[in-house]
Amino acid sequence: MPVKIDFKYKYPLSARRIESSNIKDKHPDRIPVIITKNPSSQIDNISKIKYLFPIDFTIPQLLCVIRQKVSLKPTEAINIFIQTPDEKEVMPSYSASLASLYIDYVESFKTNPNYDGYLYVIYSNENTFG
């Protein structure tokens, strides 16, 4: 079952499309990203969910931003997933740039009726044993 992202339910699809298009027109060298917590996760919610990241931003850099915003201890691990417009969660490659993720998981879905132009990132604590 896909993770419910409150941002998608709070704002209508048409408004999200217009806003993301305006953002991309104004900042062509940035990626509009929505970051949200998996509801089943035991870590804190992030206070701000909308971000504009440089196109060459990488997954490790994104993880650092999330870790700072939710005040994780160095010993705590997190996972991130990308939610596509068809509501599938994909674990991104840690060597990927946000630009490549945006092309693969947002722009390639332009014909999907749920396409809105945002890259959706879901974070959660990592399940570890021992």
C-alpha atoms as a PDB file:
ATOM      1  CA  MET A   1       0.000   0.000   0.000  1.00  0.00           C
ATOM      2  CA  PRO A   2       1.474   3.380  -0.957  1.00  0.00           C
ATOM      3  CA  VAL A   3       2.430   5.931   1.665  1.00  0.00           C
ATOM      4  CA  LYS A   4      -0.177   8.686   1.954  1.00  0.00           C
ATOM      5  CA  ILE A   5       1.508  12.039   1.396  1.00  0.00           C
ATOM      6  CA  ASP A   6      -0.518  14.784   3.093  1.00  0.00           C
ATOM      7  CA  PHE A   7       0.723  17.454   0.658  1.00  0.00           C
ATOM      8  CA  LYS A   8      -1.071  15.660  -2.194  1.00  0.00           C
ATOM      9  CA  TYR A   9      -4.345  15.679  -0.288  1.00  0.00           C
ATOM     10  CA  LYS A  10      -4.007  19.193   1.079  1.00  0.00           C
ATOM     11  CA  TYR A  11      -3.571  20.837  -2.337  1.00  0.00           C
ATOM     12  CA  PRO A  12      -5.485  19.967  -5.520  1.00  0.00           C
ATOM     13  CA  LEU A  13      -3.539  18.435  -8.413  1.00  0.00           C
ATOM     14  CA  SER A  14      -4.093  21.458 -10.658  1.00  0.00           C
ATOM     15  CA  ALA A  15      -2.644  23.834  -8.033  1.00  0.00           C
ATOM     16  CA  ARG A  16       0.387  21.574  -7.513  1.00  0.00           C
ATOM     17  CA  ARG A  17       1.011  21.418 -11.272  1.00  0.00           C
ATOM     18  CA  ILE A  18       0.843  25.193 -11.632  1.00  0.00           C
ATOM     19  CA  GLU A  19       3.097  25.787  -8.637  1.00  0.00           C
ATOM     20  CA  SER A  20       5.759  23.278  -9.726  1.00  0.00           C
ATOM     21  CA  SER A  21       5.708  24.675 -13.269  1.00  0.00           C
ATOM     22  CA  ASN A  22       6.172  28.229 -11.960  1.00  0.00           C
ATOM     23  CA  ILE A  23       9.021  27.065  -9.730  1.00  0.00           C
ATOM     24  CA  LYS A  24      10.782  25.296 -12.615  1.00  0.00           C
ATOM     25  CA  ASP A  25      10.358  28.352 -14.860  1.00  0.00           C
ATOM     26  CA  LYS A  26      11.777  30.668 -12.199  1.00  0.00           C
ATOM     27  CA  HIS A  27      14.531  28.264 -11.062  1.00  0.00           C
ATOM     28  CA  PRO A  28      15.525  25.993 -13.980  1.00  0.00           C
ATOM     29  CA  ASP A  29      18.657  24.857 -12.119  1.00  0.00           C
ATOM     30  CA  ARG A  30      16.650  23.575  -9.114  1.00  0.00           C
ATOM     31  CA  ILE A  31      14.511  20.527  -8.359  1.00  0.00           C
ATOM     32  CA  PRO A  32      11.208  21.009  -6.473  1.00  0.00           C
ATOM     33  CA  VAL A  33      11.096  18.345  -3.754  1.00  0.00           C
ATOM     34  CA  ILE A  34       8.508  17.365  -1.158  1.00  0.00           C
ATOM     35  CA  ILE A  35       9.981  15.516   1.829  1.00  0.00           C
ATOM     36  CA  THR A  36       7.693  13.607   4.155  1.00  0.00           C
ATOM     37  CA  LYS A  37       7.965  10.948   6.844  1.00  0.00           C
ATOM     38  CA  ASN A  38       6.605   7.457   6.464  1.00  0.00           C
ATOM     39  CA  PRO A  39       3.713   7.409   8.988  1.00  0.00           C
ATOM     40  CA  SER A  40       4.860   4.052  10.375  1.00  0.00           C
ATOM     41  CA  SER A  41       8.334   5.435  11.151  1.00  0.00           C
ATOM     42  CA  GLN A  42       9.414   6.130  14.732  1.00  0.00           C
ATOM     43  CA  ILE A  43      11.425   9.303  13.999  1.00  0.00           C
ATOM     44  CA  ASP A  44      10.337  12.941  14.145  1.00  0.00           C
ATOM     45  CA  ASN A  45       8.416  14.782  11.466  1.00  0.00           C
ATOM     46  CA  ILE A  46      10.366  17.263   9.408  1.00  0.00           C
ATOM     47  CA  SER A  47       9.177  20.824  10.065  1.00  0.00           C
ATOM     48  CA  LYS A  48       9.398  22.051   6.465  1.00  0.00           C
ATOM     49  CA  ILE A  49       8.328  19.784   3.600  1.00  0.00           C
ATOM     50  CA  LYS A  50       8.922  21.870   0.450  1.00  0.00           C
ATOM     51  CA  TYR A  51      12.479  22.313  -0.796  1.00  0.00           C
ATOM     52  CA  LEU A  52      14.352  23.521  -3.860  1.00  0.00           C
ATOM     53  CA  PHE A  53      17.620  21.659  -4.308  1.00  0.00           C
ATOM     54  CA  PRO A  54      20.370  22.202  -6.900  1.00  0.00           C
ATOM     55  CA  ILE A  55      20.227  19.747  -9.798  1.00  0.00           C
ATOM     56  CA  ASP A  56      23.601  18.251  -8.863  1.00  0.00           C
ATOM     57  CA  PHE A  57      22.532  17.531  -5.259  1.00  0.00           C
ATOM     58  CA  THR A  58      23.131  13.859  -4.402  1.00  0.00           C
ATOM     59  CA  ILE A  59      21.334  11.359  -2.186  1.00  0.00           C
ATOM     60  CA  PRO A  60      24.014  11.511   0.568  1.00  0.00           C
ATOM     61  CA  GLN A  61      23.628  15.309   0.642  1.00  0.00           C
ATOM     62  CA  LEU A  62      19.853  14.931   0.835  1.00  0.00           C
ATOM     63  CA  LEU A  63      20.230  12.458   3.704  1.00  0.00           C
ATOM     64  CA  CYS A  64      22.387  15.003   5.565  1.00  0.00           C
ATOM     65  CA  VAL A  65      19.669  17.654   5.186  1.00  0.00           C
ATOM     66  CA  ILE A  66      16.991  15.280   6.457  1.00  0.00           C
ATOM     67  CA  ARG A  67      19.159  14.134   9.370  1.00  0.00           C
ATOM     68  CA  GLN A  68      19.714  17.753  10.424  1.00  0.00           C
ATOM     69  CA  LYS A  69      16.034  18.668  10.148  1.00  0.00           C
ATOM     70  CA  VAL A  70      14.817  15.729  12.260  1.00  0.00           C
ATOM     71  CA  SER A  71      17.718  15.837  14.736  1.00  0.00           C
ATOM     72  CA  LEU A  72      18.871  12.251  14.425  1.00  0.00           C
ATOM     73  CA  LYS A  73      21.696  10.869  16.518  1.00  0.00           C
ATOM     74  CA  PRO A  74      24.792   9.752  14.586  1.00  0.00           C
ATOM     75  CA  THR A  75      23.970   6.139  15.479  1.00  0.00           C
ATOM     76  CA  GLU A  76      20.459   6.301  14.010  1.00  0.00           C
ATOM     77  CA  ALA A  77      20.010   5.305  10.375  1.00  0.00           C
ATOM     78  CA  ILE A  78      17.359   6.379   7.897  1.00  0.00           C
ATOM     79  CA  ASN A  79      16.165   5.131   4.529  1.00  0.00           C
ATOM     80  CA  ILE A  80      14.630   7.200   1.792  1.00  0.00           C
ATOM     81  CA  PHE A  81      12.277   6.256  -0.989  1.00  0.00           C
ATOM     82  CA  ILE A  82      11.023   8.119  -4.033  1.00  0.00           C
ATOM     83  CA  GLN A  83       7.284   7.970  -4.660  1.00  0.00           C
ATOM     84  CA  THR A  84       6.443   8.019  -8.353  1.00  0.00           C
ATOM     85  CA  PRO A  85       3.261   9.577  -9.777  1.00  0.00           C
ATOM     86  CA  ASP A  86       1.806   6.053 -10.036  1.00  0.00           C
ATOM     87  CA  GLU A  87       2.363   5.781  -6.240  1.00  0.00           C
ATOM     88  CA  LYS A  88       5.135   3.189  -6.219  1.00  0.00           C
ATOM     89  CA  GLU A  89       7.990   3.599  -3.764  1.00  0.00           C
ATOM     90  CA  VAL A  90      11.491   3.166  -5.171  1.00  0.00           C
ATOM     91  CA  MET A  91      14.756   3.120  -3.215  1.00  0.00           C
ATOM     92  CA  PRO A  92      17.145   5.432  -5.095  1.00  0.00           C
ATOM     93  CA  SER A  93      20.778   4.703  -5.855  1.00  0.00           C
ATOM     94  CA  TYR A  94      23.017   6.541  -3.401  1.00  0.00           C
ATOM     95  CA  SER A  95      25.203   7.749  -6.254  1.00  0.00           C
ATOM     96  CA  ALA A  96      22.280   9.383  -8.078  1.00  0.00           C
ATOM     97  CA  SER A  97      21.819  13.115  -8.436  1.00  0.00           C
ATOM     98  CA  LEU A  98      18.429  14.675  -7.816  1.00  0.00           C
ATOM     99  CA  ALA A  99      18.356  15.652 -11.500  1.00  0.00           C
ATOM    100  CA  SER A 100      18.610  12.014 -12.603  1.00  0.00           C
ATOM    101  CA  LEU A 101      15.955  10.970 -10.071  1.00  0.00           C
ATOM    102  CA  TYR A 102      13.712  13.784 -11.263  1.00  0.00           C
ATOM    103  CA  ILE A 103      14.041  12.652 -14.875  1.00  0.00           C
ATOM    104  CA  ASP A 104      13.509   8.955 -14.012  1.00  0.00           C
ATOM    105  CA  TYR A 105      10.705   9.281 -11.470  1.00  0.00           C
ATOM    106  CA  VAL A 106       8.922  12.531 -12.327  1.00  0.00           C
ATOM    107  CA  GLU A 107       9.515  13.715 -15.900  1.00  0.00           C
ATOM    108  CA  SER A 108       9.159  10.213 -17.367  1.00  0.00           C
ATOM    109  CA  PHE A 109       5.630  10.127 -15.868  1.00  0.00           C
ATOM    110  CA  LYS A 110       4.336  13.300 -17.562  1.00  0.00           C
ATOM    111  CA  THR A 111       1.508  11.370 -19.190  1.00  0.00           C
ATOM    112  CA  ASN A 112       0.400   9.898 -15.849  1.00  0.00           C
ATOM    113  CA  PRO A 113      -2.793  11.597 -14.599  1.00  0.00           C
ATOM    114  CA  ASN A 114      -1.202  12.061 -11.152  1.00  0.00           C
ATOM    115  CA  TYR A 115       1.864  13.912 -12.495  1.00  0.00           C
ATOM    116  CA  ASP A 116       2.347  17.227 -10.686  1.00  0.00           C
ATOM    117  CA  GLY A 117       6.030  18.078 -11.236  1.00  0.00           C
ATOM    118  CA  TYR A 118       7.305  17.413  -7.700  1.00  0.00           C
ATOM    119  CA  LEU A 119       9.860  14.831  -6.605  1.00  0.00           C
ATOM    120  CA  TYR A 120       8.401  13.087  -3.533  1.00  0.00           C
ATOM    121  CA  VAL A 121      10.894  11.776  -0.974  1.00  0.00           C
ATOM    122  CA  ILE A 122       9.735   9.594   1.913  1.00  0.00           C
ATOM    123  CA  TYR A 123      12.059   8.983   4.844  1.00  0.00           C
ATOM    124  CA  SER A 124      11.857   6.458   7.650  1.00  0.00           C
ATOM    125  CA  ASN A 125      14.050   4.928  10.273  1.00  0.00           C
ATOM    126  CA  GLU A 126      16.023   1.918   9.162  1.00  0.00           C
ATOM    127  CA  ASN A 127      15.013  -1.423  10.601  1.00  0.00           C
ATOM    128  CA  THR A 128      18.062  -2.942  12.270  1.00  0.00           C
ATOM    129  CA  PHE A 129      18.470  -5.977  14.465  1.00  0.00           C
ATOM    130  CA  GLY A 130      20.800  -6.599  17.376  1.00  0.00           C
END
